[in-house]
All heavy atoms as atom14 arrays in JSON, in Angstrom:
{
  "sequence": "FDASDLQVISTMVQDAISPVADVSWRSHERRFVLLLNRFRWEIPQSDV",
  "atom14_mask": [
    [1, 1, 1, 1, 1, 1, 1, 1, 1, 1, 1, 0, 0, 0],
    [1, 1, 1, 1, 1, 1, 1, 1, 0, 0, 0, 0, 0, 0],
    [1, 1, 1, 1, 1, 0, 0, 0, 0, 0, 0, 0, 0, 0],
    [1, 1, 1, 1, 1, 1, 0, 0, 0, 0, 0, 0, 0, 0],
    [1, 1, 1, 1, 1, 1, 1, 1, 0, 0, 0, 0, 0, 0],
    [1, 1, 1, 1, 1, 1, 1, 1, 0, 0, 0, 0, 0, 0],
    [1, 1, 1, 1, 1, 1, 1, 1, 1, 0, 0, 0, 0, 0],
    [1, 1, 1, 1, 1, 1, 1, 0, 0, 0, 0, 0, 0, 0],
    [1, 1, 1, 1, 1, 1, 1, 1, 0, 0, 0, 0, 0, 0],
    [1, 1, 1, 1, 1, 1, 0, 0, 0, 0, 0, 0, 0, 0],
    [1, 1, 1, 1, 1, 1, 1, 0, 0, 0, 0, 0, 0, 0],
    [1, 1, 1, 1, 1, 1, 1, 1, 0, 0, 0, 0, 0, 0],
    [1, 1, 1, 1, 1, 1, 1, 0, 0, 0, 0, 0, 0, 0],
    [1, 1, 1, 1, 1, 1, 1, 1, 1, 0, 0, 0, 0, 0],
    [1, 1, 1, 1, 1, 1, 1, 1, 0, 0, 0, 0, 0, 0],
    [1, 1, 1, 1, 1, 0, 0, 0, 0, 0, 0, 0, 0, 0],
    [1, 1, 1, 1, 1, 1, 1, 1, 0, 0, 0, 0, 0, 0],
    [1, 1, 1, 1, 1, 1, 0, 0, 0, 0, 0, 0, 0, 0],
    [1, 1, 1, 1, 1, 1, 1, 0, 0, 0, 0, 0, 0, 0],
    [1, 1, 1, 1, 1, 1, 1, 0, 0, 0, 0, 0, 0, 0],
    [1, 1, 1, 1, 1, 0, 0, 0, 0, 0, 0, 0, 0, 0],
    [1, 1, 1, 1, 1, 1, 1, 1, 0, 0, 0, 0, 0, 0],
    [1, 1, 1, 1, 1, 1, 1, 0, 0, 0, 0, 0, 0, 0],
    [1, 1, 1, 1, 1, 1, 0, 0, 0, 0, 0, 0, 0, 0],
    [1, 1, 1, 1, 1, 1, 1, 1, 1, 1, 1, 1, 1, 1],
    [1, 1, 1, 1, 1, 1, 1, 1, 1, 1, 1, 0, 0, 0],
    [1, 1, 1, 1, 1, 1, 0, 0, 0, 0, 0, 0, 0, 0],
    [1, 1, 1, 1, 1, 1, 1, 1, 1, 1, 0, 0, 0, 0],
    [1, 1, 1, 1, 1, 1, 1, 1, 1, 0, 0, 0, 0, 0],
    [1, 1, 1, 1, 1, 1, 1, 1, 1, 1, 1, 0, 0, 0],
    [1, 1, 1, 1, 1, 1, 1, 1, 1, 1, 1, 0, 0, 0],
    [1, 1, 1, 1, 1, 1, 1, 1, 1, 1, 1, 0, 0, 0],
    [1, 1, 1, 1, 1, 1, 1, 0, 0, 0, 0, 0, 0, 0],
    [1, 1, 1, 1, 1, 1, 1, 1, 0, 0, 0, 0, 0, 0],
    [1, 1, 1, 1, 1, 1, 1, 1, 0, 0, 0, 0, 0, 0],
    [1, 1, 1, 1, 1, 1, 1, 1, 0, 0, 0, 0, 0, 0],
    [1, 1, 1, 1, 1, 1, 1, 1, 0, 0, 0, 0, 0, 0],
    [1, 1, 1, 1, 1, 1, 1, 1, 1, 1, 1, 0, 0, 0],
    [1, 1, 1, 1, 1, 1, 1, 1, 1, 1, 1, 0, 0, 0],
    [1, 1, 1, 1, 1, 1, 1, 1, 1, 1, 1, 0, 0, 0],
    [1, 1, 1, 1, 1, 1, 1, 1, 1, 1, 1, 1, 1, 1],
    [1, 1, 1, 1, 1, 1, 1, 1, 1, 0, 0, 0, 0, 0],
    [1, 1, 1, 1, 1, 1, 1, 1, 0, 0, 0, 0, 0, 0],
    [1, 1, 1, 1, 1, 1, 1, 0, 0, 0, 0, 0, 0, 0],
    [1, 1, 1, 1, 1, 1, 1, 1, 1, 0, 0, 0, 0, 0],
    [1, 1, 1, 1, 1, 1, 0, 0, 0, 0, 0, 0, 0, 0],
    [1, 1, 1, 1, 1, 1, 1, 1, 0, 0, 0, 0, 0, 0],
    [1, 1, 1, 1, 1, 1, 1, 0, 0, 0, 0, 0, 0, 0]
  ],
  "atom14_positions": [
    [[123.37, -29.33, 8.26], [124.03, -30.26, 9.16], [124.0, -29.77, 10.6], [124.5, -30.45, 11.49], [125.49, -30.49, 8.74], [125.63, -31.21, 7.43], [126.11, -30.55, 6.32], [125.28, -32.55, 7.31], [126.26, -31.21, 5.11], [125.43, -33.22, 6.1], [125.92, -32.54, 5.0], [0.0, 0.0, 0.0], [0.0, 0.0, 0.0], [0.0, 0.0, 0.0]],
    [[123.45, -28.57, 10.83], [123.31, -28.06, 12.19], [122.03, -27.23, 12.27], [121.38, -26.95, 11.26], [124.55, -27.28, 12.64], [124.83, -26.03, 11.82], [123.87, -25.36, 11.37], [126.01, -25.7, 11.65], [0.0, 0.0, 0.0], [0.0, 0.0, 0.0], [0.0, 0.0, 0.0], [0.0, 0.0, 0.0], [0.0, 0.0, 0.0], [0.0, 0.0, 0.0]],
    [[121.68, -26.84, 13.48], [120.41, -26.15, 13.72], [120.32, -24.81, 13.0], [119.25, -24.43, 12.53], [120.18, -25.97, 15.22], [0.0, 0.0, 0.0], [0.0, 0.0, 0.0], [0.0, 0.0, 0.0], [0.0, 0.0, 0.0], [0.0, 0.0, 0.0], [0.0, 0.0, 0.0], [0.0, 0.0, 0.0], [0.0, 0.0, 0.0], [0.0, 0.0, 0.0]],
    [[121.43, -24.08, 12.89], [121.37, -22.78, 12.21], [121.16, -22.97, 10.71], [120.43, -22.2, 10.09], [122.61, -21.94, 12.51], [123.77, -22.58, 12.03], [0.0, 0.0, 0.0], [0.0, 0.0, 0.0], [0.0, 0.0, 0.0], [0.0, 0.0, 0.0], [0.0, 0.0, 0.0], [0.0, 0.0, 0.0], [0.0, 0.0, 0.0], [0.0, 0.0, 0.0]],
    [[121.78, -24.0, 10.12], [121.51, -24.31, 8.71], [120.05, -24.72, 8.52], [119.41, -24.34, 7.55], [122.38, -25.47, 8.23], [123.86, -25.15, 8.15], [124.22, -23.96, 8.14], [124.66, -26.1, 8.09], [0.0, 0.0, 0.0], [0.0, 0.0, 0.0], [0.0, 0.0, 0.0], [0.0, 0.0, 0.0], [0.0, 0.0, 0.0], [0.0, 0.0, 0.0]],
    [[119.53, -25.49, 9.45], [118.14, -25.95, 9.36], [117.17, -24.78, 9.41], [116.13, -24.8, 8.76], [117.82, -26.95, 10.47], [116.44, -27.59, 10.4], [116.24, -28.36, 9.1], [116.22, -28.5, 11.6], [0.0, 0.0, 0.0], [0.0, 0.0, 0.0], [0.0, 0.0, 0.0], [0.0, 0.0, 0.0], [0.0, 0.0, 0.0], [0.0, 0.0, 0.0]],
    [[117.52, -23.73, 10.15], [116.65, -22.55, 10.22], [116.49, -21.9, 8.85], [115.41, -21.42, 8.51], [117.19, -21.54, 11.24], [116.24, -20.39, 11.49], [114.88, -20.86, 11.97], [114.77, -21.65, 12.9], [113.82, -20.38, 11.34], [0.0, 0.0, 0.0], [0.0, 0.0, 0.0], [0.0, 0.0, 0.0], [0.0, 0.0, 0.0], [0.0, 0.0, 0.0]],
    [[117.54, -21.92, 8.04], [117.46, -21.37, 6.68], [116.47, -22.2, 5.85], [115.6, -21.66, 5.17], [118.84, -21.33, 6.0], [118.73, -20.91, 4.54], [119.78, -20.4, 6.77], [0.0, 0.0, 0.0], [0.0, 0.0, 0.0], [0.0, 0.0, 0.0], [0.0, 0.0, 0.0], [0.0, 0.0, 0.0], [0.0, 0.0, 0.0], [0.0, 0.0, 0.0]],
    [[116.6, -23.52, 5.91], [115.67, -24.39, 5.19], [114.25, -24.18, 5.7], [113.3, -24.1, 4.91], [116.11, -25.86, 5.29], [117.39, -26.09, 4.47], [114.98, -26.8, 4.83], [117.96, -27.49, 4.56], [0.0, 0.0, 0.0], [0.0, 0.0, 0.0], [0.0, 0.0, 0.0], [0.0, 0.0, 0.0], [0.0, 0.0, 0.0], [0.0, 0.0, 0.0]],
    [[114.09, -24.07, 7.0], [112.77, -23.85, 7.58], [112.12, -22.59, 7.01], [110.93, -22.57, 6.69], [112.87, -23.75, 9.1], [111.6, -23.49, 9.67], [0.0, 0.0, 0.0], [0.0, 0.0, 0.0], [0.0, 0.0, 0.0], [0.0, 0.0, 0.0], [0.0, 0.0, 0.0], [0.0, 0.0, 0.0], [0.0, 0.0, 0.0], [0.0, 0.0, 0.0]],
    [[112.91, -21.53, 6.87], [112.4, -20.29, 6.31], [111.95, -20.48, 4.86], [110.91, -19.97, 4.45], [113.48, -19.19, 6.38], [113.83, -18.98, 7.74], [113.0, -17.89, 5.77], [0.0, 0.0, 0.0], [0.0, 0.0, 0.0], [0.0, 0.0, 0.0], [0.0, 0.0, 0.0], [0.0, 0.0, 0.0], [0.0, 0.0, 0.0], [0.0, 0.0, 0.0]],
    [[112.7, -21.27, 4.1], [112.38, -21.47, 2.69], [111.16, -22.37, 2.48], [110.52, -22.31, 1.43], [113.57, -22.07, 1.95], [114.74, -21.12, 1.8], [114.36, -19.67, 0.77], [114.19, -18.41, 2.0], [0.0, 0.0, 0.0], [0.0, 0.0, 0.0], [0.0, 0.0, 0.0], [0.0, 0.0, 0.0], [0.0, 0.0, 0.0], [0.0, 0.0, 0.0]],
    [[110.82, -23.2, 3.47], [109.65, -24.09, 3.31], [108.43, -23.6, 4.09], [107.38, -24.25, 4.06], [109.96, -25.56, 3.67], [111.04, -26.11, 2.76], [110.31, -25.73, 5.13], [0.0, 0.0, 0.0], [0.0, 0.0, 0.0], [0.0, 0.0, 0.0], [0.0, 0.0, 0.0], [0.0, 0.0, 0.0], [0.0, 0.0, 0.0], [0.0, 0.0, 0.0]],
    [[108.55, -22.46, 4.77], [107.37, -21.93, 5.47], [106.27, -21.7, 4.44], [106.51, -21.17, 3.36], [107.7, -20.62, 6.17], [106.52, -20.07, 6.94], [106.84, -18.78, 7.66], [107.9, -18.19, 7.5], [105.91, -18.34, 8.46], [0.0, 0.0, 0.0], [0.0, 0.0, 0.0], [0.0, 0.0, 0.0], [0.0, 0.0, 0.0], [0.0, 0.0, 0.0]],
    [[105.08, -22.16, 4.76], [103.89, -22.05, 3.92], [103.91, -23.01, 2.73], [103.08, -22.89, 1.83], [103.66, -20.61, 3.44], [103.45, -19.67, 4.6], [102.6, -19.98, 5.45], [104.17, -18.65, 4.68], [0.0, 0.0, 0.0], [0.0, 0.0, 0.0], [0.0, 0.0, 0.0], [0.0, 0.0, 0.0], [0.0, 0.0, 0.0], [0.0, 0.0, 0.0]],
    [[104.84, -23.94, 2.7], [104.8, -24.98, 1.67], [103.62, -25.9, 1.93], [103.23, -26.1, 3.08], [106.1, -25.78, 1.66], [0.0, 0.0, 0.0], [0.0, 0.0, 0.0], [0.0, 0.0, 0.0], [0.0, 0.0, 0.0], [0.0, 0.0, 0.0], [0.0, 0.0, 0.0], [0.0, 0.0, 0.0], [0.0, 0.0, 0.0], [0.0, 0.0, 0.0]],
    [[103.05, -26.45, 0.87], [101.95, -27.38, 1.02], [102.33, -28.7, 0.37], [103.11, -28.75, -0.58], [100.63, -26.82, 0.44], [100.82, -26.41, -1.02], [100.15, -25.64, 1.27], [99.54, -25.96, -1.7], [0.0, 0.0, 0.0], [0.0, 0.0, 0.0], [0.0, 0.0, 0.0], [0.0, 0.0, 0.0], [0.0, 0.0, 0.0], [0.0, 0.0, 0.0]],
    [[101.75, -29.77, 0.92], [102.03, -31.11, 0.39], [100.84, -32.01, 0.64], [100.38, -32.12, 1.77], [103.26, -31.7, 1.1], [103.49, -33.02, 0.65], [0.0, 0.0, 0.0], [0.0, 0.0, 0.0], [0.0, 0.0, 0.0], [0.0, 0.0, 0.0], [0.0, 0.0, 0.0], [0.0, 0.0, 0.0], [0.0, 0.0, 0.0], [0.0, 0.0, 0.0]],
    [[100.35, -32.67, -0.4], [99.36, -33.7, -0.15], [99.99, -34.79, 0.71], [101.16, -35.14, 0.52], [99.03, -34.23, -1.54], [99.5, -33.18, -2.49], [100.65, -32.5, -1.81], [0.0, 0.0, 0.0], [0.0, 0.0, 0.0], [0.0, 0.0, 0.0], [0.0, 0.0, 0.0], [0.0, 0.0, 0.0], [0.0, 0.0, 0.0], [0.0, 0.0, 0.0]],
    [[99.25, -35.33, 1.65], [99.8, -36.36, 2.52], [100.27, -37.58, 1.71], [101.19, -38.28, 2.11], [98.79, -36.75, 3.64], [97.67, -37.6, 3.1], [99.49, -37.42, 4.81], [0.0, 0.0, 0.0], [0.0, 0.0, 0.0], [0.0, 0.0, 0.0], [0.0, 0.0, 0.0], [0.0, 0.0, 0.0], [0.0, 0.0, 0.0], [0.0, 0.0, 0.0]],
    [[99.69, -37.76, 0.52], [100.11, -38.86, -0.36], [101.54, -38.66, -0.87], [102.18, -39.63, -1.3], [99.14, -38.99, -1.53], [0.0, 0.0, 0.0], [0.0, 0.0, 0.0], [0.0, 0.0, 0.0], [0.0, 0.0, 0.0], [0.0, 0.0, 0.0], [0.0, 0.0, 0.0], [0.0, 0.0, 0.0], [0.0, 0.0, 0.0], [0.0, 0.0, 0.0]],
    [[102.05, -37.42, -0.82], [103.42, -37.13, -1.27], [104.42, -37.1, -0.13], [105.52, -36.56, -0.27], [103.44, -35.79, -2.02], [102.75, -35.87, -3.37], [102.55, -36.99, -3.87], [102.41, -34.8, -3.91], [0.0, 0.0, 0.0], [0.0, 0.0, 0.0], [0.0, 0.0, 0.0], [0.0, 0.0, 0.0], [0.0, 0.0, 0.0], [0.0, 0.0, 0.0]],
    [[104.06, -37.69, 1.0], [104.95, -37.83, 2.15], [105.35, -39.29, 2.24], [104.49, -40.17, 2.19], [104.25, -37.36, 3.44], [105.14, -37.58, 4.64], [103.84, -35.89, 3.32], [0.0, 0.0, 0.0], [0.0, 0.0, 0.0], [0.0, 0.0, 0.0], [0.0, 0.0, 0.0], [0.0, 0.0, 0.0], [0.0, 0.0, 0.0], [0.0, 0.0, 0.0]],
    [[106.64, -39.55, 2.34], [107.11, -40.93, 2.29], [108.15, -41.22, 3.37], [109.14, -40.51, 3.5], [107.74, -41.18, 0.9], [108.3, -42.47, 0.82], [0.0, 0.0, 0.0], [0.0, 0.0, 0.0], [0.0, 0.0, 0.0], [0.0, 0.0, 0.0], [0.0, 0.0, 0.0], [0.0, 0.0, 0.0], [0.0, 0.0, 0.0], [0.0, 0.0, 0.0]],
    [[107.91, -42.29, 4.13], [108.88, -42.78, 5.13], [109.51, -44.03, 4.53], [108.85, -45.05, 4.37], [108.17, -43.07, 6.43], [108.86, -43.93, 7.46], [108.29, -44.94, 8.15], [110.21, -43.85, 7.93], [109.19, -45.49, 9.03], [110.39, -44.83, 8.91], [111.29, -43.04, 7.62], [111.59, -45.05, 9.57], [112.49, -43.24, 8.28], [112.63, -44.23, 9.25]],
    [[110.74, -43.93, 4.13], [111.48, -45.04, 3.52], [112.38, -45.65, 4.59], [113.56, -45.33, 4.68], [112.28, -44.54, 2.34], [111.39, -43.92, 1.27], [112.19, -43.31, 0.16], [111.31, -42.71, -0.81], [111.72, -42.06, -1.86], [113.01, -41.91, -2.09], [110.86, -41.53, -2.71], [0.0, 0.0, 0.0], [0.0, 0.0, 0.0], [0.0, 0.0, 0.0]],
    [[111.79, -46.5, 5.4], [112.5, -47.02, 6.58], [113.77, -47.78, 6.2], [114.77, -47.69, 6.9], [111.58, -47.9, 7.42], [111.11, -48.99, 6.66], [0.0, 0.0, 0.0], [0.0, 0.0, 0.0], [0.0, 0.0, 0.0], [0.0, 0.0, 0.0], [0.0, 0.0, 0.0], [0.0, 0.0, 0.0], [0.0, 0.0, 0.0], [0.0, 0.0, 0.0]],
    [[113.73, -48.54, 5.11], [114.92, -49.3, 4.7], [116.07, -48.38, 4.26], [117.23, -48.77, 4.33], [114.56, -50.28, 3.58], [114.05, -49.62, 2.34], [112.78, -49.09, 2.24], [114.66, -49.38, 1.15], [112.62, -48.57, 1.04], [113.74, -48.72, 0.36], [0.0, 0.0, 0.0], [0.0, 0.0, 0.0], [0.0, 0.0, 0.0], [0.0, 0.0, 0.0]],
    [[115.75, -47.14, 3.86], [116.77, -46.16, 3.5], [117.05, -45.18, 4.64], [117.93, -44.33, 4.51], [116.33, -45.35, 2.27], [116.16, -46.16, 1.02], [115.63, -45.33, -0.13], [115.78, -44.08, -0.11], [115.06, -45.92, -1.06], [0.0, 0.0, 0.0], [0.0, 0.0, 0.0], [0.0, 0.0, 0.0], [0.0, 0.0, 0.0], [0.0, 0.0, 0.0]],
    [[116.25, -45.28, 5.71], [116.33, -44.36, 6.84], [116.14, -42.91, 6.36], [116.85, -42.0, 6.78], [117.62, -44.54, 7.61], [117.72, -45.9, 8.25], [119.02, -46.21, 8.92], [119.88, -45.08, 9.19], [120.43, -44.81, 10.35], [120.22, -45.6, 11.37], [121.23, -43.78, 10.51], [0.0, 0.0, 0.0], [0.0, 0.0, 0.0], [0.0, 0.0, 0.0]],
    [[115.16, -42.72, 5.49], [114.92, -41.41, 4.88], [113.43, -41.08, 4.97], [112.58, -41.92, 4.71], [115.35, -41.46, 3.42], [115.12, -40.17, 2.67], [115.65, -40.24, 1.24], [117.1, -40.34, 1.3], [117.82, -41.17, 0.55], [117.24, -41.97, -0.31], [119.12, -41.19, 0.66], [0.0, 0.0, 0.0], [0.0, 0.0, 0.0], [0.0, 0.0, 0.0]],
    [[113.15, -39.82, 5.31], [111.79, -39.3, 5.33], [111.74, -38.17, 4.32], [112.54, -37.24, 4.37], [111.43, -38.79, 6.73], [110.0, -38.4, 6.88], [109.02, -39.35, 7.11], [109.61, -37.07, 6.75], [107.69, -38.99, 7.24], [108.29, -36.69, 6.89], [107.32, -37.66, 7.13], [0.0, 0.0, 0.0], [0.0, 0.0, 0.0], [0.0, 0.0, 0.0]],
    [[110.8, -38.25, 3.36], [110.78, -37.33, 2.23], [109.4, -36.72, 2.07], [108.38, -37.41, 2.18], [111.18, -38.07, 0.93], [111.17, -37.13, -0.26], [112.52, -38.74, 1.07], [0.0, 0.0, 0.0], [0.0, 0.0, 0.0], [0.0, 0.0, 0.0], [0.0, 0.0, 0.0], [0.0, 0.0, 0.0], [0.0, 0.0, 0.0], [0.0, 0.0, 0.0]],
    [[109.37, -35.42, 1.77], [108.14, -34.72, 1.42], [108.33, -34.05, 0.07], [109.35, -33.38, -0.14], [107.81, -33.63, 2.45], [107.57, -34.06, 3.88], [108.82, -33.86, 4.71], [106.44, -33.26, 4.47], [0.0, 0.0, 0.0], [0.0, 0.0, 0.0], [0.0, 0.0, 0.0], [0.0, 0.0, 0.0], [0.0, 0.0, 0.0], [0.0, 0.0, 0.0]],
    [[107.36, -34.23, -0.83], [107.33, -33.48, -2.07], [106.44, -32.28, -1.81], [105.25, -32.43, -1.51], [106.78, -34.33, -3.22], [106.66, -33.61, -4.56], [108.02, -33.13, -5.06], [106.0, -34.52, -5.59], [0.0, 0.0, 0.0], [0.0, 0.0, 0.0], [0.0, 0.0, 0.0], [0.0, 0.0, 0.0], [0.0, 0.0, 0.0], [0.0, 0.0, 0.0]],
    [[107.03, -31.1, -1.87], [106.36, -29.87, -1.47], [106.06, -28.96, -2.66], [106.79, -28.97, -3.65], [107.26, -29.06, -0.53], [107.81, -29.72, 0.7], [108.84, -28.81, 1.36], [106.69, -30.05, 1.66], [0.0, 0.0, 0.0], [0.0, 0.0, 0.0], [0.0, 0.0, 0.0], [0.0, 0.0, 0.0], [0.0, 0.0, 0.0], [0.0, 0.0, 0.0]],
    [[105.04, -28.17, -2.52], [104.81, -27.02, -3.37], [105.18, -25.83, -2.5], [104.38, -25.39, -1.68], [103.35, -26.96, -3.82], [103.0, -28.11, -4.72], [103.53, -28.22, -5.82], [102.15, -28.99, -4.26], [0.0, 0.0, 0.0], [0.0, 0.0, 0.0], [0.0, 0.0, 0.0], [0.0, 0.0, 0.0], [0.0, 0.0, 0.0], [0.0, 0.0, 0.0]],
    [[106.42, -25.37, -2.64], [106.91, -24.35, -1.73], [106.78, -22.96, -2.33], [106.94, -22.77, -3.53], [108.33, -24.66, -1.3], [109.41, -24.07, -2.03], [110.81, -24.29, -1.48], [111.7, -23.84, -2.52], [111.99, -22.57, -2.74], [111.55, -21.63, -1.96], [112.78, -22.24, -3.74], [0.0, 0.0, 0.0], [0.0, 0.0, 0.0], [0.0, 0.0, 0.0]],
    [[106.44, -22.01, -1.47], [106.39, -20.62, -1.89], [107.82, -20.13, -2.06], [108.69, -20.42, -1.24], [105.64, -19.75, -0.86], [105.41, -18.37, -1.36], [104.36, -18.11, -2.22], [106.27, -17.35, -1.02], [104.16, -16.84, -2.72], [106.09, -16.07, -1.52], [105.03, -15.82, -2.38], [0.0, 0.0, 0.0], [0.0, 0.0, 0.0], [0.0, 0.0, 0.0]],
    [[108.09, -19.38, -3.1], [109.45, -18.9, -3.38], [109.71, -17.59, -2.63], [109.62, -16.5, -3.18], [109.65, -18.71, -4.88], [109.6, -20.05, -5.62], [109.97, -19.91, -7.08], [111.39, -19.62, -7.18], [111.9, -18.76, -8.07], [111.13, -18.12, -8.9], [113.19, -18.57, -8.12], [0.0, 0.0, 0.0], [0.0, 0.0, 0.0], [0.0, 0.0, 0.0]],
    [[110.08, -17.73, -1.35], [110.36, -16.56, -0.52], [111.59, -15.8, -1.01], [111.8, -14.64, -0.66], [110.56, -16.99, 0.93], [109.29, -17.42, 1.58], [108.95, -18.7, 1.95], [108.18, -16.6, 1.93], [107.69, -18.71, 2.5], [107.2, -17.43, 2.5], [107.9, -15.24, 1.8], [105.98, -16.95, 2.96], [106.68, -14.76, 2.25], [105.74, -15.62, 2.83]],
    [[112.44, -16.43, -1.81], [113.68, -15.8, -2.23], [113.49, -14.74, -3.31], [114.43, -14.01, -3.62], [114.7, -16.86, -2.69], [114.32, -17.62, -3.95], [113.48, -18.85, -3.7], [112.79, -18.94, -2.66], [113.5, -19.74, -4.56], [0.0, 0.0, 0.0], [0.0, 0.0, 0.0], [0.0, 0.0, 0.0], [0.0, 0.0, 0.0], [0.0, 0.0, 0.0]],
    [[112.3, -14.64, -3.91], [112.09, -13.6, -4.92], [111.54, -12.35, -4.24], [110.83, -12.44, -3.24], [111.2, -14.07, -6.08], [109.8, -14.46, -5.61], [111.85, -15.21, -6.83], [108.86, -14.82, -6.73], [0.0, 0.0, 0.0], [0.0, 0.0, 0.0], [0.0, 0.0, 0.0], [0.0, 0.0, 0.0], [0.0, 0.0, 0.0], [0.0, 0.0, 0.0]],
    [[111.88, -11.17, -4.75], [111.45, -9.92, -4.1], [109.93, -9.81, -4.01], [109.2, -10.32, -4.86], [112.02, -8.83, -5.01], [113.14, -9.49, -5.75], [112.74, -10.93, -5.9], [0.0, 0.0, 0.0], [0.0, 0.0, 0.0], [0.0, 0.0, 0.0], [0.0, 0.0, 0.0], [0.0, 0.0, 0.0], [0.0, 0.0, 0.0], [0.0, 0.0, 0.0]],
    [[109.46, -9.11, -2.99], [108.02, -8.96, -2.74], [107.28, -8.31, -3.89], [106.1, -8.56, -4.08], [107.78, -8.15, -1.47], [107.96, -8.95, -0.23], [107.43, -8.21, 0.99], [106.89, -7.12, 0.9], [107.57, -8.83, 2.14], [0.0, 0.0, 0.0], [0.0, 0.0, 0.0], [0.0, 0.0, 0.0], [0.0, 0.0, 0.0], [0.0, 0.0, 0.0]],
    [[107.92, -7.48, -4.67], [107.23, -6.77, -5.74], [106.92, -7.67, -6.93], [106.12, -7.32, -7.78], [108.06, -5.57, -6.2], [109.31, -6.03, -6.68], [0.0, 0.0, 0.0], [0.0, 0.0, 0.0], [0.0, 0.0, 0.0], [0.0, 0.0, 0.0], [0.0, 0.0, 0.0], [0.0, 0.0, 0.0], [0.0, 0.0, 0.0], [0.0, 0.0, 0.0]],
    [[107.58, -8.83, -7.02], [107.36, -9.74, -8.13], [106.1, -10.57, -7.93], [105.49, -10.58, -6.87], [108.57, -10.67, -8.3], [109.78, -9.94, -8.82], [109.63, -8.94, -9.54], [110.89, -10.37, -8.49], [0.0, 0.0, 0.0], [0.0, 0.0, 0.0], [0.0, 0.0, 0.0], [0.0, 0.0, 0.0], [0.0, 0.0, 0.0], [0.0, 0.0, 0.0]],
    [[105.76, -11.32, -8.96], [104.6, -12.2, -8.93], [104.8, -13.28, -7.86], [105.92, -13.71, -7.59], [104.36, -12.82, -10.33], [105.5, -13.74, -10.72], [103.05, -13.55, -10.39], [0.0, 0.0, 0.0], [0.0, 0.0, 0.0], [0.0, 0.0, 0.0], [0.0, 0.0, 0.0], [0.0, 0.0, 0.0], [0.0, 0.0, 0.0], [0.0, 0.0, 0.0]]
  ]
}
């Protein structure tokens, strides 16, 4: 709900990939949605 919270989300989606076909602008809902394949930055570096 604020810029500092958004920075956390930004960190979690860095290097995420999405086919452009999985990006949706739902104007009637006023919602913009991306289906991402996000890298799991939250797991330790030594893991897979």
